[in-house]
Every structure is written in structure tokens, then in C-alpha cells.
N, C-alpha and C. Protein backbone atom coordinates (compact mmCIF):
# COMPACT_ATOMS: atom_id res chain seq x y z
N MET A 1 35.58 97.10 35.45
CA MET A 1 36.24 98.44 34.81
C MET A 1 35.62 99.60 35.21
N THR A 2 36.17 100.78 35.53
CA THR A 2 35.81 101.97 35.88
C THR A 2 35.21 102.76 35.12
N THR A 3 34.07 103.42 35.21
CA THR A 3 33.54 104.45 34.40
C THR A 3 33.99 105.84 34.95
N LEU A 4 34.46 106.74 33.94
CA LEU A 4 34.83 107.87 34.40
C LEU A 4 33.53 108.93 34.34
N GLY A 5 33.44 109.96 35.02
CA GLY A 5 32.40 110.84 35.06
C GLY A 5 32.79 112.20 35.03
N LYS A 6 32.15 113.12 35.80
CA LYS A 6 32.11 114.63 35.65
C LYS A 6 33.03 115.23 36.85
N LEU A 7 33.45 114.36 37.75
CA LEU A 7 34.41 115.05 38.73
C LEU A 7 35.75 115.11 38.31
N ARG A 8 36.52 115.92 38.90
CA ARG A 8 37.72 116.39 38.37
C ARG A 8 38.95 116.11 39.28
N ILE A 9 40.05 115.60 38.97
CA ILE A 9 41.20 115.58 39.68
C ILE A 9 42.26 116.52 38.91
N ARG A 10 42.95 117.49 39.32
CA ARG A 10 43.82 118.36 38.70
C ARG A 10 44.87 118.81 39.52
N GLY A 11 45.98 119.15 38.98
CA GLY A 11 47.08 119.71 39.87
C GLY A 11 48.10 120.18 38.88
N VAL A 12 49.30 120.49 39.54
CA VAL A 12 50.45 121.15 38.91
C VAL A 12 51.76 120.44 39.11
N VAL A 13 52.49 120.20 38.27
CA VAL A 13 53.75 119.41 38.63
C VAL A 13 54.90 120.62 38.45
N ARG A 14 55.75 120.63 39.61
CA ARG A 14 56.80 121.66 39.61
C ARG A 14 57.90 121.08 40.06
N ARG A 15 59.02 121.56 39.68
CA ARG A 15 60.41 121.28 40.24
C ARG A 15 61.16 122.70 40.50
N ASN A 16 61.56 122.71 41.78
CA ASN A 16 62.20 123.93 42.25
C ASN A 16 61.44 125.14 41.88
N GLY A 17 60.13 124.86 42.08
CA GLY A 17 59.08 126.00 41.94
C GLY A 17 58.63 126.36 40.64
N GLU A 18 59.27 125.82 39.59
CA GLU A 18 58.81 125.98 38.19
C GLU A 18 58.11 124.94 37.56
N PRO A 19 57.07 125.31 36.78
CA PRO A 19 56.44 124.14 36.10
C PRO A 19 57.18 123.15 35.31
N VAL A 20 56.79 121.89 35.20
CA VAL A 20 57.24 120.94 34.55
C VAL A 20 56.45 120.59 33.20
N GLU A 21 56.89 120.82 32.19
CA GLU A 21 56.16 120.50 30.97
C GLU A 21 56.42 119.01 30.50
N GLY A 22 55.65 118.11 30.12
CA GLY A 22 55.89 116.75 29.74
C GLY A 22 55.74 115.83 30.77
N ALA A 23 55.62 116.16 32.09
CA ALA A 23 55.55 115.24 33.07
C ALA A 23 54.25 114.13 32.58
N TYR A 24 54.64 112.94 33.12
CA TYR A 24 53.67 111.87 32.73
C TYR A 24 52.94 111.42 33.82
N LEU A 25 51.75 111.54 33.91
CA LEU A 25 50.54 111.23 35.09
C LEU A 25 49.59 109.97 34.72
N THR A 26 49.64 109.19 35.67
CA THR A 26 48.68 107.93 35.36
C THR A 26 47.67 107.96 36.60
N LEU A 27 46.59 107.60 36.15
CA LEU A 27 45.36 107.66 37.16
C LEU A 27 44.85 106.10 37.52
N ASN A 28 45.02 105.54 38.52
CA ASN A 28 44.82 104.14 38.88
C ASN A 28 43.63 103.81 40.09
N ALA A 29 42.98 102.96 39.74
CA ALA A 29 42.03 102.57 40.89
C ALA A 29 42.54 101.29 41.28
N GLY A 30 43.16 101.18 42.62
CA GLY A 30 43.85 100.28 43.10
C GLY A 30 45.00 99.78 42.22
N ASP A 31 45.10 98.38 41.72
CA ASP A 31 46.13 98.12 40.72
C ASP A 31 45.73 98.25 39.25
N GLU A 32 44.29 98.71 39.02
CA GLU A 32 44.05 98.83 37.57
C GLU A 32 44.35 100.40 36.94
N PHE A 33 45.05 100.31 35.87
CA PHE A 33 45.30 101.60 35.12
C PHE A 33 44.03 102.08 34.44
N ILE A 34 43.76 103.31 34.64
CA ILE A 34 42.69 104.06 34.17
C ILE A 34 42.70 104.87 32.97
N ALA A 35 43.73 105.93 33.23
CA ALA A 35 43.93 106.90 32.23
C ALA A 35 45.31 107.39 32.37
N GLU A 36 45.86 108.23 31.41
CA GLU A 36 47.08 108.93 31.46
C GLU A 36 47.16 110.24 30.89
N ARG A 37 47.89 111.07 31.26
CA ARG A 37 48.05 112.56 30.74
C ARG A 37 49.35 113.09 30.86
N ARG A 38 49.78 113.87 30.10
CA ARG A 38 50.92 114.63 30.02
C ARG A 38 50.57 116.15 30.54
N THR A 39 51.52 116.59 31.26
CA THR A 39 51.36 118.39 31.71
C THR A 39 51.84 119.23 30.39
N GLY A 40 50.98 120.12 30.45
CA GLY A 40 51.30 121.21 29.35
C GLY A 40 52.52 122.17 29.72
N PRO A 41 52.65 123.30 29.04
CA PRO A 41 53.57 124.05 29.31
C PRO A 41 53.66 124.59 30.66
N ASP A 42 52.52 124.77 31.17
CA ASP A 42 52.33 125.50 32.47
C ASP A 42 52.42 124.51 33.65
N GLY A 43 52.62 123.17 33.37
CA GLY A 43 52.75 122.15 34.44
C GLY A 43 51.49 121.56 34.97
N THR A 44 50.35 121.98 34.23
CA THR A 44 49.14 121.52 34.70
C THR A 44 48.76 120.09 34.18
N TYR A 45 47.74 119.35 34.73
CA TYR A 45 47.04 118.18 34.13
C TYR A 45 45.66 118.18 34.80
N GLU A 46 44.78 117.40 34.26
CA GLU A 46 43.43 117.32 34.57
C GLU A 46 43.07 115.76 34.08
N PHE A 47 42.54 115.21 35.20
CA PHE A 47 41.57 113.87 34.87
C PHE A 47 40.07 113.93 35.26
N HIS A 48 39.34 113.41 34.51
CA HIS A 48 37.70 113.57 34.73
C HIS A 48 37.53 111.95 35.42
N THR A 49 36.80 112.09 36.62
CA THR A 49 36.62 110.69 37.34
C THR A 49 35.37 110.67 37.85
N SER A 50 34.95 109.39 38.32
CA SER A 50 33.88 109.25 39.19
C SER A 50 34.06 109.19 40.52
N PRO A 51 33.17 109.00 41.41
CA PRO A 51 33.60 109.26 42.86
C PRO A 51 34.35 108.12 43.38
N GLY A 52 35.22 108.27 44.23
CA GLY A 52 36.08 107.20 44.70
C GLY A 52 37.36 107.46 45.04
N ASP A 53 38.14 106.53 45.41
CA ASP A 53 39.68 106.82 45.83
C ASP A 53 40.42 106.33 44.67
N TRP A 54 41.44 107.20 44.36
CA TRP A 54 42.23 107.14 43.30
C TRP A 54 43.76 107.26 43.67
N THR A 55 44.57 106.85 42.83
CA THR A 55 46.15 106.96 42.86
C THR A 55 46.64 107.71 41.73
N VAL A 56 47.21 108.79 41.77
CA VAL A 56 47.72 109.67 40.71
C VAL A 56 49.38 109.46 40.95
N ILE A 57 49.89 108.90 40.01
CA ILE A 57 51.45 108.85 39.82
C ILE A 57 52.12 109.80 38.85
N CYS A 58 53.06 110.56 39.48
CA CYS A 58 53.86 111.45 38.53
C CYS A 58 55.20 111.02 38.18
N ARG A 59 55.52 110.84 36.95
CA ARG A 59 56.88 110.62 36.45
C ARG A 59 57.31 111.56 35.60
N ALA A 60 58.57 112.00 35.93
CA ALA A 60 59.44 112.95 35.01
C ALA A 60 60.67 112.50 35.10
N SER A 61 61.42 113.00 33.86
CA SER A 61 62.87 112.88 33.66
C SER A 61 63.63 113.30 34.81
N GLY A 62 64.43 112.61 35.44
CA GLY A 62 65.36 112.90 36.46
C GLY A 62 64.76 112.96 37.89
N SER A 63 63.55 112.15 38.05
CA SER A 63 62.87 111.96 39.40
C SER A 63 62.40 110.74 39.49
N ASP A 64 62.30 110.02 40.73
CA ASP A 64 61.58 108.88 40.98
C ASP A 64 60.12 109.22 40.95
N PRO A 65 59.36 108.09 40.63
CA PRO A 65 58.04 108.33 40.46
C PRO A 65 57.25 108.87 41.77
N VAL A 66 56.41 109.62 41.96
CA VAL A 66 55.86 109.99 43.10
C VAL A 66 54.29 109.87 42.94
N PRO A 67 53.82 109.11 44.07
CA PRO A 67 52.33 108.73 43.87
C PRO A 67 51.41 109.77 45.01
N ALA A 68 50.33 109.92 44.67
CA ALA A 68 49.35 110.65 45.46
C ALA A 68 48.11 109.96 45.78
N THR A 69 47.52 109.77 46.64
CA THR A 69 46.27 109.16 46.94
C THR A 69 45.13 110.43 47.11
N VAL A 70 44.02 110.24 46.24
CA VAL A 70 43.21 111.30 46.14
C VAL A 70 41.75 110.82 46.12
N SER A 71 40.94 111.37 46.97
CA SER A 71 39.51 111.21 47.21
C SER A 71 38.74 111.88 46.17
N SER A 72 38.00 111.64 45.18
CA SER A 72 37.07 112.35 44.46
C SER A 72 35.60 111.96 44.65
N GLU A 73 35.09 112.93 45.63
CA GLU A 73 33.88 112.62 45.97
C GLU A 73 32.86 113.66 45.49
N GLY A 74 33.30 114.75 45.12
CA GLY A 74 32.46 115.77 44.84
C GLY A 74 33.17 117.06 44.22
N GLY A 75 32.69 117.29 42.94
CA GLY A 75 33.48 118.51 42.28
C GLY A 75 34.73 118.24 41.90
N GLU A 76 35.77 118.91 42.71
CA GLU A 76 37.14 118.91 42.18
C GLU A 76 38.12 118.77 43.24
N SER A 77 39.24 117.74 42.96
CA SER A 77 40.28 117.41 43.90
C SER A 77 41.71 117.76 43.34
N THR A 78 42.59 118.19 44.11
CA THR A 78 43.67 118.61 43.74
C THR A 78 44.92 117.77 44.20
N ALA A 79 45.86 117.48 43.35
CA ALA A 79 46.99 116.77 43.77
C ALA A 79 48.07 117.64 42.93
N ASP A 80 48.86 118.23 43.61
CA ASP A 80 50.00 119.02 43.13
C ASP A 80 51.10 118.14 43.45
N PHE A 81 52.39 118.20 42.63
CA PHE A 81 53.57 117.48 42.86
C PHE A 81 54.54 118.50 42.83
N GLU A 82 55.73 118.19 43.80
CA GLU A 82 56.82 119.13 43.81
C GLU A 82 58.11 118.13 43.69
N LEU A 83 58.76 117.98 42.43
CA LEU A 83 59.81 117.07 42.35
C LEU A 83 60.98 117.47 42.83
């Protein structure tokens, strides 16, 4: 099991340039599910992670799932989604 730490992966989910509230994001390490988040009214989300390579998958009504691979090695990484 992966231990989460003080590094961050954050981003914004948008559709047609507008923030998407309530989009569902999962954080995965390989095939292992780690955490989930929903976006707020401003379309933002944030995960706290440990160093490594992660997959963030964004799901929202009316859109296919969109994956992004993120390397979290120091401080903060960004994964924005345009649906």
C-alpha cells in the first residue's frame, strides 16, 4: 500500500473553458486505487502524495474518462483537464 505524504498534485477541470463542479477524480499508483476527490465550484481538486509516478483519472457527466500521468517528485505537480 502506498503512503501519502506532503507533495501535491492539483489542477482544474474545465469544459468549454468553464470550471466543472462535481467532477470525480481518482488517484492511482499503477493499478492500485489510492484516493478520490470531487471538484469544487471553481473546478479545482488536490491530492497529497508521496514521490512517484501517478495516474489521475477525471470522470464527469457527459464525458469519457480522461487519464493523466503525473510525476510527483518535489513540491507541487499540476494536471488540468479540459473535457
